[in-house]
Amino acid sequence: MKKIFLVALLVSSISAFANIDPVNEKVLNAFSKTFQEAKEVSWSESPETYEVKFKQNEIRSRVYYDKEGNILKAYRYYFEQNLPLLVLSKVKAKYTDKKIFGVVEVSSDEGTFYYITLEGEKDWKEIKADSYGSMTVERKFKKA
């Protein structure tokens, strides 16, 4: 009985994966040309877009493509050493009492923005910076 159950489970798993459409050729070509060193690549599809998650140069990324292979939006997750120097210097100068905990870089047709999480002794702040170093506070949290 256990063998029948395992065989049935295996067959259903294989058929479930067989129904997944592969990523289209245009998107795969665009991805492979741009991210030649990508590792840990995983794809998902929605009706209008493809999403790919991967790691390159120790930076985790998530990129959305349209069906023609154009990047719609890209996210990169990293730490302060990867921030552009202009942005890093302005954050460090303005928030001398805080440590940069992490960065989410968001790029799209609207530009590139950096969502920087700062850790203080008693609070957290999320600031949004643009490529020129202009900053606004997006959210504040008190530590428990």
N, C-alpha and C. Protein backbone atom coordinates (compact mmCIF):
# COMPACT_ATOMS: atom_id res chain seq x y z
N MET A 1 0.83 -1.19 0.00
CA MET A 1 0.00 0.00 0.00
C MET A 1 0.87 1.26 0.00
N LYS A 2 1.96 1.24 0.79
CA LYS A 2 2.86 2.39 0.83
C LYS A 2 3.50 2.62 -0.52
N LYS A 3 3.87 1.55 -1.22
CA LYS A 3 4.50 1.69 -2.53
C LYS A 3 3.54 2.32 -3.53
N ILE A 4 2.29 1.92 -3.49
CA ILE A 4 1.28 2.49 -4.40
C ILE A 4 1.12 3.98 -4.13
N PHE A 5 1.07 4.34 -2.85
CA PHE A 5 0.93 5.75 -2.47
C PHE A 5 2.14 6.55 -2.96
N LEU A 6 3.35 6.02 -2.77
CA LEU A 6 4.55 6.73 -3.20
C LEU A 6 4.60 6.88 -4.72
N VAL A 7 4.22 5.84 -5.44
CA VAL A 7 4.20 5.91 -6.91
C VAL A 7 3.18 6.95 -7.37
N ALA A 8 2.01 6.96 -6.75
CA ALA A 8 0.97 7.93 -7.11
C ALA A 8 1.45 9.36 -6.83
N LEU A 9 2.12 9.54 -5.69
CA LEU A 9 2.65 10.86 -5.34
C LEU A 9 3.72 11.29 -6.34
N LEU A 10 4.59 10.38 -6.71
CA LEU A 10 5.65 10.68 -7.67
C LEU A 10 5.07 11.05 -9.03
N VAL A 11 4.10 10.29 -9.51
CA VAL A 11 3.47 10.56 -10.81
C VAL A 11 2.77 11.92 -10.79
N SER A 12 2.06 12.23 -9.72
CA SER A 12 1.37 13.52 -9.65
C SER A 12 2.36 14.68 -9.59
N SER A 13 3.48 14.47 -8.89
CA SER A 13 4.51 15.51 -8.84
C SER A 13 5.12 15.76 -10.20
N ILE A 14 5.43 14.69 -10.91
CA ILE A 14 6.02 14.83 -12.24
C ILE A 14 5.04 15.52 -13.18
N SER A 15 3.78 15.13 -13.15
CA SER A 15 2.80 15.75 -14.05
C SER A 15 2.58 17.21 -13.69
N ALA A 16 2.67 17.56 -12.42
CA ALA A 16 2.52 18.96 -12.02
C ALA A 16 3.65 19.80 -12.60
N PHE A 17 4.89 19.28 -12.54
CA PHE A 17 6.01 20.01 -13.09
C PHE A 17 5.98 20.03 -14.61
N ALA A 18 5.45 19.02 -15.24
CA ALA A 18 5.39 18.96 -16.70
C ALA A 18 4.47 20.03 -17.26
N ASN A 19 3.51 20.54 -16.47
CA ASN A 19 2.57 21.55 -16.94
C ASN A 19 3.12 22.96 -16.84
N ILE A 20 4.28 23.15 -16.22
CA ILE A 20 4.86 24.47 -16.09
C ILE A 20 5.48 24.88 -17.43
N ASP A 21 5.08 26.04 -17.94
CA ASP A 21 5.66 26.53 -19.18
C ASP A 21 7.08 26.99 -18.91
N PRO A 22 8.00 26.69 -19.82
CA PRO A 22 9.36 27.20 -19.64
C PRO A 22 9.38 28.70 -19.90
N VAL A 23 10.40 29.35 -19.39
CA VAL A 23 10.58 30.78 -19.62
C VAL A 23 10.84 30.96 -21.11
N ASN A 24 10.21 31.98 -21.70
CA ASN A 24 10.36 32.12 -23.15
C ASN A 24 11.79 32.52 -23.54
N GLU A 25 12.11 32.26 -24.79
CA GLU A 25 13.48 32.42 -25.31
C GLU A 25 13.99 33.85 -25.19
N LYS A 26 13.14 34.84 -25.49
CA LYS A 26 13.56 36.24 -25.41
C LYS A 26 14.00 36.61 -24.01
N VAL A 27 13.24 36.18 -23.02
CA VAL A 27 13.54 36.50 -21.63
C VAL A 27 14.82 35.78 -21.19
N LEU A 28 14.94 34.51 -21.53
CA LEU A 28 16.15 33.77 -21.17
C LEU A 28 17.40 34.39 -21.79
N ASN A 29 17.32 34.78 -23.05
CA ASN A 29 18.46 35.42 -23.71
C ASN A 29 18.83 36.73 -23.04
N ALA A 30 17.82 37.56 -22.74
CA ALA A 30 18.08 38.84 -22.07
C ALA A 30 18.73 38.61 -20.71
N PHE A 31 18.21 37.66 -19.96
CA PHE A 31 18.75 37.37 -18.64
C PHE A 31 20.20 36.87 -18.73
N SER A 32 20.44 35.90 -19.61
CA SER A 32 21.78 35.31 -19.69
C SER A 32 22.82 36.30 -20.19
N LYS A 33 22.44 37.25 -21.02
CA LYS A 33 23.38 38.27 -21.50
C LYS A 33 23.73 39.27 -20.40
N THR A 34 22.74 39.60 -19.58
CA THR A 34 22.94 40.61 -18.55
C THR A 34 23.57 40.05 -17.28
N PHE A 35 23.17 38.87 -16.89
CA PHE A 35 23.60 38.30 -15.61
C PHE A 35 24.36 36.99 -15.84
N GLN A 36 25.53 37.09 -16.42
CA GLN A 36 26.31 35.92 -16.80
C GLN A 36 26.83 35.13 -15.60
N GLU A 37 26.98 35.77 -14.45
CA GLU A 37 27.52 35.10 -13.26
C GLU A 37 26.43 34.69 -12.28
N ALA A 38 25.17 34.70 -12.69
CA ALA A 38 24.06 34.41 -11.78
C ALA A 38 24.12 32.97 -11.25
N LYS A 39 23.79 32.84 -9.97
CA LYS A 39 23.73 31.53 -9.32
C LYS A 39 22.41 31.44 -8.56
N GLU A 40 22.04 30.22 -8.20
CA GLU A 40 20.81 29.98 -7.42
C GLU A 40 19.61 30.64 -8.11
N VAL A 41 19.46 30.41 -9.38
CA VAL A 41 18.42 31.04 -10.22
C VAL A 41 17.11 30.29 -10.08
N SER A 42 16.03 31.04 -9.81
CA SER A 42 14.69 30.43 -9.81
C SER A 42 13.71 31.38 -10.50
N TRP A 43 12.83 30.81 -11.32
CA TRP A 43 11.89 31.56 -12.13
C TRP A 43 10.46 31.33 -11.68
N SER A 44 9.63 32.34 -11.85
CA SER A 44 8.19 32.17 -11.71
C SER A 44 7.52 33.05 -12.77
N GLU A 45 6.29 32.71 -13.10
CA GLU A 45 5.59 33.40 -14.18
C GLU A 45 4.23 33.87 -13.70
N SER A 46 3.84 35.05 -14.15
CA SER A 46 2.48 35.55 -13.96
C SER A 46 1.94 35.82 -15.36
N PRO A 47 0.68 36.19 -15.50
CA PRO A 47 0.12 36.39 -16.85
C PRO A 47 0.89 37.42 -17.70
N GLU A 48 1.45 38.45 -17.09
CA GLU A 48 2.11 39.51 -17.84
C GLU A 48 3.63 39.54 -17.71
N THR A 49 4.18 38.88 -16.69
CA THR A 49 5.61 39.02 -16.42
C THR A 49 6.26 37.70 -16.02
N TYR A 50 7.58 37.72 -16.07
CA TYR A 50 8.40 36.67 -15.48
C TYR A 50 9.18 37.30 -14.34
N GLU A 51 9.36 36.55 -13.27
CA GLU A 51 10.17 36.99 -12.14
C GLU A 51 11.31 36.01 -11.97
N VAL A 52 12.51 36.53 -11.82
CA VAL A 52 13.66 35.67 -11.58
C VAL A 52 14.37 36.15 -10.31
N LYS A 53 14.68 35.20 -9.45
CA LYS A 53 15.45 35.46 -8.24
C LYS A 53 16.79 34.77 -8.41
N PHE A 54 17.85 35.45 -8.01
CA PHE A 54 19.18 34.87 -8.16
C PHE A 54 20.18 35.60 -7.28
N LYS A 55 21.37 35.08 -7.28
CA LYS A 55 22.47 35.65 -6.52
C LYS A 55 23.63 35.87 -7.49
N GLN A 56 24.22 37.06 -7.43
CA GLN A 56 25.39 37.36 -8.26
C GLN A 56 26.34 38.21 -7.45
N ASN A 57 27.59 37.81 -7.38
CA ASN A 57 28.60 38.52 -6.59
C ASN A 57 28.14 38.73 -5.15
N GLU A 58 27.55 37.70 -4.58
CA GLU A 58 27.07 37.70 -3.19
C GLU A 58 25.92 38.68 -2.94
N ILE A 59 25.31 39.21 -3.98
CA ILE A 59 24.16 40.09 -3.84
C ILE A 59 22.93 39.36 -4.35
N ARG A 60 21.89 39.31 -3.52
CA ARG A 60 20.62 38.70 -3.93
C ARG A 60 19.84 39.72 -4.75
N SER A 61 19.20 39.22 -5.80
CA SER A 61 18.44 40.09 -6.70
C SER A 61 17.13 39.45 -7.08
N ARG A 62 16.18 40.30 -7.47
CA ARG A 62 14.89 39.87 -7.99
C ARG A 62 14.57 40.81 -9.14
N VAL A 63 14.32 40.24 -10.32
CA VAL A 63 14.10 41.04 -11.52
C VAL A 63 12.80 40.61 -12.17
N TYR A 64 12.03 41.60 -12.62
CA TYR A 64 10.78 41.35 -13.34
C TYR A 64 10.98 41.72 -14.81
N TYR A 65 10.62 40.77 -15.69
CA TYR A 65 10.70 40.97 -17.13
C TYR A 65 9.30 40.94 -17.72
N ASP A 66 9.11 41.72 -18.81
CA ASP A 66 7.89 41.53 -19.59
C ASP A 66 8.12 40.35 -20.54
N LYS A 67 7.11 39.98 -21.31
CA LYS A 67 7.21 38.82 -22.18
C LYS A 67 8.17 39.02 -23.36
N GLU A 68 8.58 40.28 -23.58
CA GLU A 68 9.52 40.58 -24.66
C GLU A 68 10.98 40.58 -24.20
N GLY A 69 11.20 40.37 -22.91
CA GLY A 69 12.57 40.32 -22.39
C GLY A 69 13.09 41.65 -21.88
N ASN A 70 12.20 42.62 -21.67
CA ASN A 70 12.59 43.92 -21.13
C ASN A 70 12.46 43.91 -19.61
N ILE A 71 13.44 44.45 -18.93
CA ILE A 71 13.36 44.54 -17.48
C ILE A 71 12.36 45.64 -17.12
N LEU A 72 11.40 45.29 -16.26
CA LEU A 72 10.42 46.26 -15.78
C LEU A 72 10.86 46.87 -14.45
N LYS A 73 11.37 46.01 -13.57
CA LYS A 73 11.77 46.46 -12.24
C LYS A 73 12.81 45.48 -11.71
N ALA A 74 13.77 46.02 -10.97
CA ALA A 74 14.81 45.17 -10.40
C ALA A 74 15.05 45.57 -8.94
N TYR A 75 15.23 44.56 -8.11
CA TYR A 75 15.54 44.75 -6.70
C TYR A 75 16.87 44.08 -6.41
N ARG A 76 17.72 44.77 -5.64
CA ARG A 76 18.96 44.17 -5.16
C ARG A 76 19.02 44.38 -3.66
N TYR A 77 19.46 43.35 -2.94
CA TYR A 77 19.49 43.37 -1.48
C TYR A 77 20.94 43.22 -1.03
N TYR A 78 21.44 44.24 -0.31
CA TYR A 78 22.84 44.20 0.08
C TYR A 78 23.11 45.03 1.33
N PHE A 79 24.40 45.20 1.63
CA PHE A 79 24.82 45.95 2.81
C PHE A 79 25.55 47.22 2.38
N GLU A 80 25.97 48.01 3.35
CA GLU A 80 26.48 49.35 3.07
C GLU A 80 27.66 49.40 2.11
N GLN A 81 28.50 48.37 2.08
CA GLN A 81 29.68 48.41 1.22
C GLN A 81 29.34 48.47 -0.26
N ASN A 82 28.10 48.15 -0.64
CA ASN A 82 27.70 48.20 -2.04
C ASN A 82 26.94 49.47 -2.42
N LEU A 83 26.67 50.33 -1.44
CA LEU A 83 26.01 51.60 -1.75
C LEU A 83 26.94 52.48 -2.58
N PRO A 84 26.40 53.25 -3.52
CA PRO A 84 27.24 54.22 -4.22
C PRO A 84 27.89 55.17 -3.21
N LEU A 85 29.12 55.57 -3.48
CA LEU A 85 29.89 56.36 -2.51
C LEU A 85 29.21 57.67 -2.14
N LEU A 86 28.60 58.35 -3.10
CA LEU A 86 27.92 59.61 -2.82
C LEU A 86 26.78 59.40 -1.82
N VAL A 87 25.97 58.38 -2.05
CA VAL A 87 24.85 58.08 -1.15
C VAL A 87 25.38 57.67 0.22
N LEU A 88 26.35 56.78 0.26
CA LEU A 88 26.93 56.32 1.52
C LEU A 88 27.48 57.47 2.33
N SER A 89 28.22 58.36 1.71
CA SER A 89 28.82 59.47 2.46
C SER A 89 27.75 60.41 3.02
N LYS A 90 26.68 60.65 2.28
CA LYS A 90 25.62 61.53 2.77
C LYS A 90 24.84 60.88 3.91
N VAL A 91 24.59 59.59 3.82
CA VAL A 91 23.89 58.89 4.91
C VAL A 91 24.75 58.91 6.16
N LYS A 92 26.03 58.60 6.03
CA LYS A 92 26.94 58.57 7.18
C LYS A 92 27.08 59.95 7.82
N ALA A 93 27.09 61.00 7.00
CA ALA A 93 27.23 62.36 7.52
C ALA A 93 25.97 62.80 8.27
N LYS A 94 24.81 62.44 7.76
CA LYS A 94 23.55 62.88 8.37
C LYS A 94 23.14 62.04 9.57
N TYR A 95 23.39 60.74 9.53
CA TYR A 95 22.96 59.82 10.59
C TYR A 95 24.18 59.24 11.30
N THR A 96 24.92 60.08 11.97
CA THR A 96 26.17 59.66 12.61
C THR A 96 25.95 58.69 13.77
N ASP A 97 24.76 58.72 14.36
CA ASP A 97 24.48 57.86 15.52
C ASP A 97 23.82 56.54 15.12
N LYS A 98 23.71 56.26 13.83
CA LYS A 98 23.02 55.06 13.37
C LYS A 98 23.96 54.18 12.53
N LYS A 99 23.64 52.90 12.53
CA LYS A 99 24.39 51.92 11.74
C LYS A 99 23.52 51.49 10.56
N ILE A 100 24.11 51.34 9.39
CA ILE A 100 23.35 50.86 8.23
C ILE A 100 23.18 49.36 8.39
N PHE A 101 21.92 48.95 8.50
CA PHE A 101 21.59 47.54 8.72
C PHE A 101 21.46 46.78 7.40
N GLY A 102 20.88 47.42 6.40
CA GLY A 102 20.70 46.78 5.10
C GLY A 102 20.16 47.75 4.08
N VAL A 103 20.24 47.36 2.81
CA VAL A 103 19.82 48.22 1.71
C VAL A 103 18.99 47.41 0.72
N VAL A 104 17.91 48.02 0.25
CA VAL A 104 17.16 47.47 -0.88
C VAL A 104 17.23 48.52 -1.98
N GLU A 105 17.86 48.16 -3.07
CA GLU A 105 17.97 49.04 -4.24
C GLU A 105 16.85 48.68 -5.20
N VAL A 106 16.07 49.68 -5.62
CA VAL A 106 14.95 49.46 -6.53
C VAL A 106 15.19 50.28 -7.79
N SER A 107 15.25 49.60 -8.93
CA SER A 107 15.47 50.28 -10.21
C SER A 107 14.29 50.01 -11.15
N SER A 108 13.83 51.07 -11.80
CA SER A 108 12.75 50.96 -12.78
C SER A 108 12.85 52.17 -13.71
N ASP A 109 11.85 52.35 -14.55
CA ASP A 109 11.84 53.51 -15.45
C ASP A 109 11.81 54.83 -14.68
N GLU A 110 11.34 54.79 -13.44
CA GLU A 110 11.29 56.01 -12.62
C GLU A 110 12.64 56.40 -12.05
N GLY A 111 13.62 55.51 -12.12
CA GLY A 111 14.94 55.79 -11.58
C GLY A 111 15.40 54.69 -10.63
N THR A 112 16.49 54.98 -9.95
CA THR A 112 17.02 54.06 -8.95
C THR A 112 16.94 54.71 -7.59
N PHE A 113 16.36 53.97 -6.64
CA PHE A 113 16.21 54.47 -5.27
C PHE A 113 16.77 53.44 -4.31
N TYR A 114 17.24 53.92 -3.18
CA TYR A 114 17.85 53.08 -2.16
C TYR A 114 17.02 53.19 -0.89
N TYR A 115 16.46 52.08 -0.44
CA TYR A 115 15.73 52.03 0.81
C TYR A 115 16.70 51.48 1.85
N ILE A 116 17.14 52.36 2.73
CA ILE A 116 18.22 52.05 3.66
C ILE A 116 17.65 51.93 5.06
N THR A 117 17.88 50.80 5.67
CA THR A 117 17.42 50.58 7.05
C THR A 117 18.56 50.93 7.99
N LEU A 118 18.27 51.87 8.89
CA LEU A 118 19.25 52.34 9.86
C LEU A 118 18.87 51.84 11.25
N GLU A 119 19.87 51.41 11.99
CA GLU A 119 19.64 50.92 13.36
C GLU A 119 20.31 51.87 14.34
N GLY A 120 19.51 52.34 15.29
CA GLY A 120 20.04 53.14 16.39
C GLY A 120 19.93 52.36 17.68
N GLU A 121 20.32 52.96 18.79
CA GLU A 121 20.23 52.27 20.07
C GLU A 121 18.78 51.98 20.47
N LYS A 122 17.88 52.94 20.18
CA LYS A 122 16.50 52.81 20.63
C LYS A 122 15.49 52.70 19.50
N ASP A 123 15.94 52.84 18.25
CA ASP A 123 14.97 52.86 17.15
C ASP A 123 15.57 52.36 15.84
N TRP A 124 14.67 52.19 14.87
CA TRP A 124 15.01 51.85 13.50
C TRP A 124 14.44 52.95 12.61
N LYS A 125 15.11 53.25 11.52
CA LYS A 125 14.59 54.18 10.52
C LYS A 125 14.79 53.58 9.15
N GLU A 126 13.80 53.78 8.29
CA GLU A 126 13.98 53.43 6.89
C GLU A 126 13.97 54.74 6.12
N ILE A 127 15.06 54.98 5.41
CA ILE A 127 15.14 56.19 4.60
C ILE A 127 15.18 55.80 3.14
N LYS A 128 14.71 56.71 2.32
CA LYS A 128 14.75 56.53 0.87
C LYS A 128 15.71 57.57 0.32
N ALA A 129 16.69 57.10 -0.44
CA ALA A 129 17.66 58.01 -1.04
C ALA A 129 17.65 57.82 -2.55
N ASP A 130 17.91 58.90 -3.27
CA ASP A 130 18.06 58.77 -4.72
C ASP A 130 19.55 58.73 -5.06
N SER A 131 19.86 58.68 -6.32
CA SER A 131 21.26 58.56 -6.76
C SER A 131 22.11 59.78 -6.44
N TYR A 132 21.45 60.90 -6.14
CA TYR A 132 22.17 62.13 -5.81
C TYR A 132 22.37 62.30 -4.30
N GLY A 133 21.78 61.38 -3.52
CA GLY A 133 21.94 61.46 -2.08
C GLY A 133 20.84 62.22 -1.37
N SER A 134 19.80 62.66 -2.10
CA SER A 134 18.66 63.30 -1.43
C SER A 134 17.92 62.23 -0.64
N MET A 135 17.54 62.54 0.60
CA MET A 135 16.96 61.53 1.48
C MET A 135 15.66 62.00 2.10
N THR A 136 14.75 61.05 2.30
CA THR A 136 13.53 61.27 3.07
C THR A 136 13.35 60.08 4.00
N VAL A 137 12.77 60.36 5.17
CA VAL A 137 12.47 59.28 6.10
C VAL A 137 11.15 58.66 5.68
N GLU A 138 11.15 57.37 5.45
CA GLU A 138 9.95 56.66 5.03
C GLU A 138 9.18 56.10 6.24
N ARG A 139 9.92 55.51 7.18
CA ARG A 139 9.28 54.90 8.35
C ARG A 139 10.23 54.97 9.55
N LYS A 140 9.61 54.98 10.74
CA LYS A 140 10.37 54.93 11.99
C LYS A 140 9.75 53.88 12.88
N PHE A 141 10.59 53.15 13.61
CA PHE A 141 10.13 52.13 14.55
C PHE A 141 10.91 52.25 15.84
N LYS A 142 10.24 52.09 16.95
CA LYS A 142 10.93 52.01 18.24
C LYS A 142 11.31 50.56 18.49
N LYS A 143 12.47 50.36 19.09
CA LYS A 143 12.89 49.01 19.46
C LYS A 143 12.12 48.57 20.69
N ALA A 144 11.86 47.29 20.76
CA ALA A 144 11.13 46.76 21.92
C ALA A 144 12.02 46.63 23.12
